[in-house]
Amino acid sequence: MRRRVPWWVLALLFVVLPVLEIYVLIQVGQVIGAWWTVLLLVADGFLGAWLMKREGTKAWRALREALDQRRMPARELADGALVLIGGTLLLTPGFVSDIAGFVCVLPFTRPAVRTALTGFLTRKFLSGPGAPGYTSRREHAQTHAQTHTQTHAQKQAETRQRPGPDQVVQGEVVD
């Protein structure tokens, strides 16, 4: 079953954020002038590209070191993803996206974003399908309705379990 993105998230990304970017551009243009605003955006783009290259190289080097040491590169992968997301935001014209991009890319702000991202993903994965104890609304309603009609032994007989490491599943390979 596919999970759909809520409509308000799409509205935020494709309506509210561009309108906010345009508003900030206009406000900055009125304060410092149109040409200075354009120059600031171009300089911001070059700075963002340089910073993304520098931090991306560091993240790649840290990932390679973690793999060479045969340890799980969780922090390094998160840093690489944040540099990629931040770099994309930095290359997008606009001051609001640039601020978000700098927060993701800069080495002294990235740990806070990484911690927040890790917490969000942990909550998301531990509460969704496949998580221990997860039941969908339909499964919960069916289980609740069947509670009064089935005994515990009947429920265990109906429950399918994956084979464990000591069990062999018989089958044949078909080319």
N, C-alpha and C. Protein backbone atom coordinates (compact mmCIF):
# COMPACT_ATOMS: atom_id res chain seq x y z
N MET A 1 0.85 -1.18 0.00
CA MET A 1 0.00 0.00 0.00
C MET A 1 0.89 1.24 0.00
N ARG A 2 0.63 2.14 -0.91
CA ARG A 2 1.42 3.37 -1.01
C ARG A 2 0.92 4.40 -0.02
N ARG A 3 1.86 5.09 0.58
CA ARG A 3 1.49 6.18 1.47
C ARG A 3 1.45 7.46 0.66
N ARG A 4 0.41 8.20 0.79
CA ARG A 4 0.27 9.44 0.04
C ARG A 4 0.79 10.60 0.86
N VAL A 5 1.35 11.57 0.14
CA VAL A 5 1.82 12.79 0.80
C VAL A 5 0.59 13.66 1.07
N PRO A 6 0.46 14.17 2.28
CA PRO A 6 -0.70 15.02 2.59
C PRO A 6 -0.74 16.25 1.69
N TRP A 7 -1.92 16.69 1.35
CA TRP A 7 -2.09 17.81 0.42
C TRP A 7 -1.46 19.09 0.96
N TRP A 8 -1.48 19.27 2.26
CA TRP A 8 -0.95 20.51 2.82
C TRP A 8 0.57 20.58 2.68
N VAL A 9 1.24 19.44 2.65
CA VAL A 9 2.69 19.44 2.43
C VAL A 9 2.99 19.89 1.00
N LEU A 10 2.22 19.38 0.05
CA LEU A 10 2.40 19.79 -1.34
C LEU A 10 2.08 21.28 -1.52
N ALA A 11 1.01 21.74 -0.86
CA ALA A 11 0.66 23.16 -0.95
C ALA A 11 1.77 24.02 -0.36
N LEU A 12 2.35 23.58 0.73
CA LEU A 12 3.45 24.32 1.34
C LEU A 12 4.65 24.40 0.40
N LEU A 13 5.00 23.27 -0.21
CA LEU A 13 6.18 23.23 -1.07
C LEU A 13 5.99 23.99 -2.38
N PHE A 14 4.82 23.89 -2.98
CA PHE A 14 4.64 24.42 -4.32
C PHE A 14 3.87 25.74 -4.39
N VAL A 15 3.30 26.19 -3.28
CA VAL A 15 2.57 27.46 -3.30
C VAL A 15 3.16 28.43 -2.27
N VAL A 16 3.18 28.04 -1.04
CA VAL A 16 3.58 28.95 0.04
C VAL A 16 5.07 29.29 -0.06
N LEU A 17 5.92 28.29 -0.24
CA LEU A 17 7.36 28.55 -0.28
C LEU A 17 7.77 29.45 -1.45
N PRO A 18 7.30 29.22 -2.68
CA PRO A 18 7.66 30.16 -3.76
C PRO A 18 7.14 31.58 -3.52
N VAL A 19 5.93 31.71 -2.98
CA VAL A 19 5.40 33.04 -2.69
C VAL A 19 6.26 33.72 -1.63
N LEU A 20 6.68 32.98 -0.62
CA LEU A 20 7.55 33.54 0.41
C LEU A 20 8.89 33.96 -0.19
N GLU A 21 9.45 33.14 -1.07
CA GLU A 21 10.72 33.48 -1.73
C GLU A 21 10.58 34.78 -2.54
N ILE A 22 9.51 34.89 -3.29
CA ILE A 22 9.29 36.10 -4.10
C ILE A 22 9.12 37.32 -3.19
N TYR A 23 8.37 37.16 -2.11
CA TYR A 23 8.17 38.27 -1.19
C TYR A 23 9.50 38.75 -0.60
N VAL A 24 10.34 37.79 -0.16
CA VAL A 24 11.64 38.16 0.43
C VAL A 24 12.53 38.81 -0.63
N LEU A 25 12.52 38.29 -1.85
CA LEU A 25 13.31 38.90 -2.93
C LEU A 25 12.88 40.35 -3.18
N ILE A 26 11.59 40.57 -3.20
CA ILE A 26 11.08 41.93 -3.42
C ILE A 26 11.49 42.85 -2.27
N GLN A 27 11.37 42.37 -1.04
CA GLN A 27 11.73 43.19 0.11
C GLN A 27 13.22 43.52 0.11
N VAL A 28 14.06 42.54 -0.19
CA VAL A 28 15.50 42.79 -0.24
C VAL A 28 15.81 43.75 -1.38
N GLY A 29 15.14 43.56 -2.52
CA GLY A 29 15.35 44.44 -3.67
C GLY A 29 14.98 45.88 -3.37
N GLN A 30 13.94 46.08 -2.59
CA GLN A 30 13.54 47.44 -2.23
C GLN A 30 14.54 48.09 -1.28
N VAL A 31 15.19 47.27 -0.45
CA VAL A 31 16.13 47.83 0.52
C VAL A 31 17.49 48.11 -0.12
N ILE A 32 18.04 47.16 -0.89
CA ILE A 32 19.40 47.34 -1.42
C ILE A 32 19.42 47.61 -2.92
N GLY A 33 18.30 47.49 -3.60
CA GLY A 33 18.25 47.73 -5.03
C GLY A 33 18.22 46.42 -5.81
N ALA A 34 17.67 46.49 -7.01
CA ALA A 34 17.46 45.29 -7.82
C ALA A 34 18.79 44.64 -8.24
N TRP A 35 19.74 45.44 -8.74
CA TRP A 35 21.00 44.88 -9.22
C TRP A 35 21.82 44.28 -8.09
N TRP A 36 21.81 44.91 -6.93
CA TRP A 36 22.52 44.36 -5.79
C TRP A 36 21.87 43.05 -5.33
N THR A 37 20.56 42.97 -5.44
CA THR A 37 19.86 41.74 -5.08
C THR A 37 20.26 40.60 -6.01
N VAL A 38 20.30 40.89 -7.32
CA VAL A 38 20.72 39.88 -8.29
C VAL A 38 22.16 39.47 -8.04
N LEU A 39 23.02 40.46 -7.79
CA LEU A 39 24.42 40.16 -7.50
C LEU A 39 24.55 39.31 -6.23
N LEU A 40 23.78 39.63 -5.22
CA LEU A 40 23.80 38.86 -3.98
C LEU A 40 23.35 37.42 -4.22
N LEU A 41 22.31 37.23 -5.06
CA LEU A 41 21.85 35.88 -5.38
C LEU A 41 22.92 35.08 -6.13
N VAL A 42 23.59 35.72 -7.09
CA VAL A 42 24.64 35.05 -7.86
C VAL A 42 25.81 34.69 -6.94
N ALA A 43 26.23 35.63 -6.10
CA ALA A 43 27.32 35.36 -5.16
C ALA A 43 26.94 34.26 -4.18
N ASP A 44 25.70 34.28 -3.75
CA ASP A 44 25.20 33.26 -2.85
C ASP A 44 25.23 31.89 -3.51
N GLY A 45 24.89 31.84 -4.79
CA GLY A 45 24.95 30.59 -5.54
C GLY A 45 26.36 30.04 -5.65
N PHE A 46 27.33 30.93 -5.96
CA PHE A 46 28.73 30.50 -6.04
C PHE A 46 29.25 30.04 -4.67
N LEU A 47 28.91 30.78 -3.63
CA LEU A 47 29.33 30.39 -2.28
C LEU A 47 28.73 29.04 -1.91
N GLY A 48 27.46 28.85 -2.24
CA GLY A 48 26.79 27.58 -1.95
C GLY A 48 27.42 26.42 -2.71
N ALA A 49 27.76 26.63 -3.98
CA ALA A 49 28.40 25.56 -4.77
C ALA A 49 29.77 25.21 -4.19
N TRP A 50 30.55 26.22 -3.82
CA TRP A 50 31.86 25.97 -3.24
C TRP A 50 31.74 25.23 -1.90
N LEU A 51 30.81 25.69 -1.06
CA LEU A 51 30.62 25.07 0.24
C LEU A 51 30.12 23.63 0.11
N MET A 52 29.23 23.41 -0.84
CA MET A 52 28.71 22.07 -1.05
C MET A 52 29.83 21.13 -1.51
N LYS A 53 30.69 21.61 -2.41
CA LYS A 53 31.81 20.79 -2.88
C LYS A 53 32.75 20.46 -1.73
N ARG A 54 33.07 21.45 -0.91
CA ARG A 54 33.99 21.25 0.20
C ARG A 54 33.42 20.27 1.23
N GLU A 55 32.19 20.51 1.66
CA GLU A 55 31.57 19.66 2.68
C GLU A 55 31.20 18.29 2.12
N GLY A 56 30.84 18.24 0.85
CA GLY A 56 30.56 16.95 0.22
C GLY A 56 31.80 16.08 0.16
N THR A 57 32.94 16.68 -0.14
CA THR A 57 34.20 15.95 -0.16
C THR A 57 34.54 15.43 1.23
N LYS A 58 34.33 16.26 2.24
CA LYS A 58 34.59 15.82 3.62
C LYS A 58 33.66 14.67 4.01
N ALA A 59 32.39 14.79 3.64
CA ALA A 59 31.42 13.73 3.97
C ALA A 59 31.78 12.43 3.25
N TRP A 60 32.21 12.54 1.99
CA TRP A 60 32.60 11.35 1.23
C TRP A 60 33.83 10.69 1.86
N ARG A 61 34.80 11.50 2.27
CA ARG A 61 36.01 10.98 2.90
C ARG A 61 35.67 10.28 4.22
N ALA A 62 34.79 10.88 5.01
CA ALA A 62 34.38 10.26 6.28
C ALA A 62 33.63 8.95 6.03
N LEU A 63 32.83 8.90 4.98
CA LEU A 63 32.11 7.67 4.64
C LEU A 63 33.09 6.57 4.26
N ARG A 64 34.08 6.91 3.43
CA ARG A 64 35.08 5.93 3.02
C ARG A 64 35.87 5.41 4.23
N GLU A 65 36.23 6.30 5.14
CA GLU A 65 36.97 5.89 6.34
C GLU A 65 36.13 4.94 7.19
N ALA A 66 34.85 5.25 7.36
CA ALA A 66 33.98 4.38 8.15
C ALA A 66 33.87 3.00 7.51
N LEU A 67 33.74 2.97 6.19
CA LEU A 67 33.65 1.68 5.50
C LEU A 67 34.97 0.92 5.58
N ASP A 68 36.08 1.62 5.48
CA ASP A 68 37.39 0.97 5.59
C ASP A 68 37.60 0.38 6.99
N GLN A 69 37.03 1.02 8.00
CA GLN A 69 37.13 0.53 9.37
C GLN A 69 36.07 -0.52 9.68
N ARG A 70 35.25 -0.84 8.69
CA ARG A 70 34.18 -1.85 8.80
C ARG A 70 33.19 -1.53 9.92
N ARG A 71 32.79 -0.28 9.98
CA ARG A 71 31.76 0.10 10.94
C ARG A 71 30.59 0.74 10.19
N MET A 72 29.43 0.69 10.79
CA MET A 72 28.23 1.21 10.16
C MET A 72 28.33 2.73 10.02
N PRO A 73 28.24 3.26 8.80
CA PRO A 73 28.44 4.70 8.59
C PRO A 73 27.15 5.51 8.71
N ALA A 74 26.43 5.36 9.80
CA ALA A 74 25.13 6.04 9.94
C ALA A 74 25.29 7.56 9.95
N ARG A 75 26.20 8.05 10.78
CA ARG A 75 26.41 9.50 10.86
C ARG A 75 26.91 10.05 9.53
N GLU A 76 27.80 9.32 8.89
CA GLU A 76 28.39 9.78 7.63
C GLU A 76 27.35 9.81 6.51
N LEU A 77 26.47 8.81 6.49
CA LEU A 77 25.41 8.80 5.48
C LEU A 77 24.43 9.96 5.71
N ALA A 78 24.11 10.21 6.96
CA ALA A 78 23.22 11.33 7.27
C ALA A 78 23.86 12.65 6.86
N ASP A 79 25.15 12.80 7.14
CA ASP A 79 25.85 14.02 6.74
C ASP A 79 25.85 14.17 5.22
N GLY A 80 26.11 13.08 4.51
CA GLY A 80 26.10 13.14 3.05
C GLY A 80 24.74 13.53 2.51
N ALA A 81 23.68 12.97 3.09
CA ALA A 81 22.33 13.32 2.65
C ALA A 81 22.02 14.79 2.95
N LEU A 82 22.43 15.28 4.11
CA LEU A 82 22.18 16.68 4.45
C LEU A 82 22.97 17.62 3.56
N VAL A 83 24.20 17.26 3.20
CA VAL A 83 24.97 18.10 2.28
C VAL A 83 24.31 18.12 0.91
N LEU A 84 23.80 16.98 0.47
CA LEU A 84 23.11 16.93 -0.81
C LEU A 84 21.83 17.78 -0.80
N ILE A 85 21.03 17.64 0.23
CA ILE A 85 19.80 18.42 0.33
C ILE A 85 20.13 19.91 0.48
N GLY A 86 21.08 20.22 1.35
CA GLY A 86 21.47 21.62 1.54
C GLY A 86 22.05 22.23 0.30
N GLY A 87 22.87 21.47 -0.43
CA GLY A 87 23.44 21.97 -1.68
C GLY A 87 22.38 22.25 -2.72
N THR A 88 21.39 21.39 -2.79
CA THR A 88 20.28 21.62 -3.72
C THR A 88 19.53 22.90 -3.35
N LEU A 89 19.31 23.09 -2.06
CA LEU A 89 18.63 24.32 -1.62
C LEU A 89 19.49 25.55 -1.89
N LEU A 90 20.80 25.43 -1.74
CA LEU A 90 21.69 26.57 -1.99
C LEU A 90 21.72 26.95 -3.47
N LEU A 91 21.60 25.98 -4.34
CA LEU A 91 21.62 26.26 -5.77
C LEU A 91 20.28 26.76 -6.29
N THR A 92 19.23 26.63 -5.49
CA THR A 92 17.91 27.14 -5.85
C THR A 92 17.89 28.64 -5.56
N PRO A 93 17.48 29.47 -6.53
CA PRO A 93 17.48 30.91 -6.27
C PRO A 93 16.46 31.29 -5.19
N GLY A 94 16.89 32.11 -4.27
CA GLY A 94 16.02 32.59 -3.21
C GLY A 94 16.76 32.59 -1.89
N PHE A 95 16.39 33.53 -1.04
CA PHE A 95 17.09 33.68 0.22
C PHE A 95 16.59 32.72 1.29
N VAL A 96 15.31 32.38 1.28
CA VAL A 96 14.76 31.47 2.29
C VAL A 96 15.35 30.07 2.09
N SER A 97 15.38 29.60 0.85
CA SER A 97 15.97 28.28 0.58
C SER A 97 17.47 28.29 0.86
N ASP A 98 18.13 29.43 0.64
CA ASP A 98 19.56 29.52 0.94
C ASP A 98 19.83 29.40 2.44
N ILE A 99 18.99 30.02 3.24
CA ILE A 99 19.16 29.91 4.70
C ILE A 99 19.01 28.45 5.13
N ALA A 100 17.97 27.78 4.63
CA ALA A 100 17.78 26.36 4.95
C ALA A 100 18.95 25.53 4.45
N GLY A 101 19.46 25.85 3.26
CA GLY A 101 20.60 25.13 2.71
C GLY A 101 21.85 25.31 3.54
N PHE A 102 22.12 26.54 3.96
CA PHE A 102 23.30 26.78 4.80
C PHE A 102 23.20 26.04 6.13
N VAL A 103 22.00 25.97 6.70
CA VAL A 103 21.82 25.25 7.96
C VAL A 103 22.14 23.76 7.77
N CYS A 104 21.79 23.20 6.61
CA CYS A 104 22.07 21.78 6.34
C CYS A 104 23.53 21.52 6.00
N VAL A 105 24.21 22.49 5.38
CA VAL A 105 25.56 22.25 4.88
C VAL A 105 26.65 22.65 5.87
N LEU A 106 26.47 23.72 6.58
CA LEU A 106 27.54 24.21 7.46
C LEU A 106 27.88 23.18 8.54
N PRO A 107 29.16 22.94 8.77
CA PRO A 107 29.56 21.88 9.70
C PRO A 107 29.18 22.14 11.15
N PHE A 108 28.96 23.37 11.55
CA PHE A 108 28.61 23.64 12.94
C PHE A 108 27.10 23.64 13.18
N THR A 109 26.28 23.66 12.13
CA THR A 109 24.82 23.56 12.30
C THR A 109 24.30 22.18 11.88
N ARG A 110 25.07 21.47 11.08
CA ARG A 110 24.62 20.16 10.58
C ARG A 110 24.33 19.15 11.69
N PRO A 111 25.12 19.08 12.78
CA PRO A 111 24.80 18.10 13.83
C PRO A 111 23.41 18.28 14.43
N ALA A 112 22.97 19.52 14.60
CA ALA A 112 21.62 19.75 15.14
C ALA A 112 20.56 19.26 14.15
N VAL A 113 20.77 19.54 12.88
CA VAL A 113 19.81 19.08 11.87
C VAL A 113 19.85 17.56 11.78
N ARG A 114 21.03 16.97 11.87
CA ARG A 114 21.16 15.51 11.82
C ARG A 114 20.42 14.88 12.99
N THR A 115 20.54 15.45 14.17
CA THR A 115 19.84 14.93 15.34
C THR A 115 18.33 15.01 15.15
N ALA A 116 17.85 16.13 14.64
CA ALA A 116 16.42 16.28 14.39
C ALA A 116 15.95 15.29 13.33
N LEU A 117 16.73 15.15 12.26
CA LEU A 117 16.38 14.21 11.19
C LEU A 117 16.36 12.78 11.69
N THR A 118 17.34 12.41 12.51
CA THR A 118 17.40 11.07 13.07
C THR A 118 16.19 10.81 13.96
N GLY A 119 15.84 11.77 14.79
CA GLY A 119 14.66 11.61 15.65
C GLY A 119 13.39 11.47 14.85
N PHE A 120 13.24 12.29 13.81
CA PHE A 120 12.05 12.22 12.96
C PHE A 120 11.95 10.86 12.27
N LEU A 121 13.05 10.41 11.67
CA LEU A 121 13.03 9.14 10.96
C LEU A 121 12.82 7.96 11.91
N THR A 122 13.39 8.04 13.09
CA THR A 122 13.19 6.98 14.07
C THR A 122 11.73 6.87 14.46
N ARG A 123 11.10 8.00 14.75
CA ARG A 123 9.67 7.98 15.08
C ARG A 123 8.85 7.47 13.91
N LYS A 124 9.20 7.90 12.70
CA LYS A 124 8.45 7.51 11.51
C LYS A 124 8.54 6.02 11.26
N PHE A 125 9.76 5.47 11.36
CA PHE A 125 9.94 4.05 11.07
C PHE A 125 9.45 3.15 12.20
N LEU A 126 9.54 3.62 13.42
CA LEU A 126 9.09 2.79 14.53
C LEU A 126 7.59 2.83 14.74
N SER A 127 6.89 3.70 14.03
CA SER A 127 5.45 3.75 14.19
C SER A 127 4.72 3.30 12.93
N GLY A 128 5.44 2.95 11.88
CA GLY A 128 4.80 2.61 10.62
C GLY A 128 4.74 1.12 10.38
N PRO A 129 4.30 0.72 9.18
CA PRO A 129 4.21 -0.69 8.83
C PRO A 129 5.57 -1.36 8.96
N GLY A 130 5.57 -2.56 9.51
CA GLY A 130 6.81 -3.29 9.70
C GLY A 130 7.41 -3.09 11.08
N ALA A 131 6.92 -2.10 11.80
CA ALA A 131 7.43 -1.84 13.14
C ALA A 131 6.85 -2.85 14.12
N PRO A 132 7.57 -3.17 15.19
CA PRO A 132 7.05 -4.11 16.17
C PRO A 132 5.75 -3.59 16.79
N GLY A 133 4.75 -4.43 16.80
CA GLY A 133 3.48 -4.05 17.40
C GLY A 133 2.58 -3.20 16.52
N TYR A 134 3.00 -2.93 15.28
CA TYR A 134 2.19 -2.09 14.39
C TYR A 134 0.99 -2.86 13.87
N THR A 135 -0.16 -2.24 13.93
CA THR A 135 -1.35 -2.78 13.27
C THR A 135 -2.05 -1.64 12.58
N SER A 136 -2.53 -1.91 11.37
CA SER A 136 -3.28 -0.88 10.66
C SER A 136 -4.65 -0.74 11.30
N ARG A 137 -5.38 0.28 10.92
CA ARG A 137 -6.73 0.48 11.47
C ARG A 137 -7.63 -0.70 11.14
N ARG A 138 -7.52 -1.19 9.92
CA ARG A 138 -8.36 -2.31 9.50
C ARG A 138 -8.02 -3.56 10.31
N GLU A 139 -6.72 -3.84 10.45
CA GLU A 139 -6.30 -5.00 11.22
C GLU A 139 -6.74 -4.87 12.68
N HIS A 140 -6.63 -3.66 13.23
CA HIS A 140 -7.02 -3.44 14.61
C HIS A 140 -8.51 -3.70 14.79
N ALA A 141 -9.33 -3.21 13.85
CA ALA A 141 -10.78 -3.42 13.94
C ALA A 141 -11.13 -4.89 13.81
N GLN A 142 -10.47 -5.59 12.87
CA GLN A 142 -10.74 -7.02 12.69
C GLN A 142 -10.32 -7.81 13.93
N THR A 143 -9.17 -7.47 14.47
CA THR A 143 -8.68 -8.17 15.66
C THR A 143 -9.62 -7.94 16.83
N HIS A 144 -10.08 -6.72 16.98
CA HIS A 144 -10.98 -6.39 18.08
C HIS A 144 -12.29 -7.15 17.93
N ALA A 145 -12.81 -7.25 16.71
CA ALA A 145 -14.07 -7.97 16.47
C ALA A 145 -13.92 -9.46 16.71
N GLN A 146 -12.74 -10.00 16.39
CA GLN A 146 -12.53 -11.43 16.53
C GLN A 146 -12.16 -11.84 17.96
N THR A 147 -11.84 -10.90 18.79
CA THR A 147 -11.39 -11.20 20.14
C THR A 147 -12.44 -11.99 20.91
N HIS A 148 -13.68 -11.65 20.71
CA HIS A 148 -14.75 -12.28 21.46
C HIS A 148 -15.15 -13.63 20.89
N THR A 149 -14.76 -13.92 19.65
CA THR A 149 -15.21 -15.16 19.02
C THR A 149 -14.15 -16.23 18.93
N GLN A 150 -12.88 -15.90 19.09
CA GLN A 150 -11.82 -16.88 18.96
C GLN A 150 -11.04 -17.03 20.25
N THR A 151 -10.54 -18.22 20.45
CA THR A 151 -9.68 -18.44 21.60
C THR A 151 -8.24 -18.12 21.22
N HIS A 152 -7.39 -18.07 22.19
CA HIS A 152 -5.98 -17.75 21.95
C HIS A 152 -5.31 -18.83 21.08
N ALA A 153 -5.63 -20.08 21.31
CA ALA A 153 -5.04 -21.17 20.52
C ALA A 153 -5.46 -21.07 19.06
N GLN A 154 -6.71 -20.69 18.79
CA GLN A 154 -7.15 -20.53 17.41
C GLN A 154 -6.39 -19.40 16.72
N LYS A 155 -6.15 -18.31 17.43
CA LYS A 155 -5.42 -17.18 16.85
C LYS A 155 -3.99 -17.59 16.51
N GLN A 156 -3.35 -18.36 17.39
CA GLN A 156 -1.98 -18.78 17.13
C GLN A 156 -1.90 -19.71 15.93
N ALA A 157 -2.90 -20.53 15.74
CA ALA A 157 -2.91 -21.44 14.60
C ALA A 157 -3.03 -20.67 13.28
N GLU A 158 -3.71 -19.52 13.29
CA GLU A 158 -3.90 -18.74 12.08
C GLU A 158 -2.72 -17.81 11.78
N THR A 159 -1.90 -17.54 12.78
CA THR A 159 -0.80 -16.61 12.61
C THR A 159 0.31 -17.24 11.78
N ARG A 160 0.73 -16.54 10.73
CA ARG A 160 1.84 -17.00 9.92
C ARG A 160 3.13 -16.43 10.50
N GLN A 161 4.14 -17.26 10.53
CA GLN A 161 5.43 -16.80 11.01
C GLN A 161 6.48 -17.06 9.96
N ARG A 162 7.45 -16.19 9.90
CA ARG A 162 8.57 -16.39 8.97
C ARG A 162 9.44 -17.52 9.50
N PRO A 163 10.06 -18.27 8.58
CA PRO A 163 10.96 -19.32 9.05
C PRO A 163 12.16 -18.72 9.76
N GLY A 164 12.58 -19.39 10.81
CA GLY A 164 13.73 -18.92 11.57
C GLY A 164 15.02 -19.43 10.96
N PRO A 165 16.15 -19.12 11.61
CA PRO A 165 17.44 -19.52 11.05
C PRO A 165 17.65 -21.04 11.05
N ASP A 166 16.93 -21.77 11.92
CA ASP A 166 17.11 -23.21 11.98
C ASP A 166 16.08 -23.97 11.14
N GLN A 167 15.19 -23.28 10.45
CA GLN A 167 14.16 -23.92 9.63
C GLN A 167 14.55 -23.85 8.17
N VAL A 168 14.21 -24.89 7.43
CA VAL A 168 14.50 -24.95 6.01
C VAL A 168 13.19 -24.83 5.25
N VAL A 169 13.18 -23.99 4.23
CA VAL A 169 12.01 -23.83 3.38
C VAL A 169 12.27 -24.61 2.10
N GLN A 170 11.43 -25.58 1.82
CA GLN A 170 11.60 -26.41 0.62
C GLN A 170 11.07 -25.65 -0.59
N GLY A 171 11.74 -25.81 -1.71
CA GLY A 171 11.29 -25.16 -2.94
C GLY A 171 12.19 -25.58 -4.09
N GLU A 172 11.88 -25.10 -5.26
CA GLU A 172 12.73 -25.38 -6.42
C GLU A 172 12.94 -24.11 -7.20
N VAL A 173 14.08 -24.02 -7.88
CA VAL A 173 14.43 -22.86 -8.65
C VAL A 173 13.90 -23.03 -10.05
N VAL A 174 13.18 -22.03 -10.56
CA VAL A 174 12.62 -22.06 -11.91
C VAL A 174 13.30 -20.97 -12.71
N ASP A 175 13.95 -21.34 -13.82
CA ASP A 175 14.60 -20.36 -14.67
C ASP A 175 13.66 -19.77 -15.67
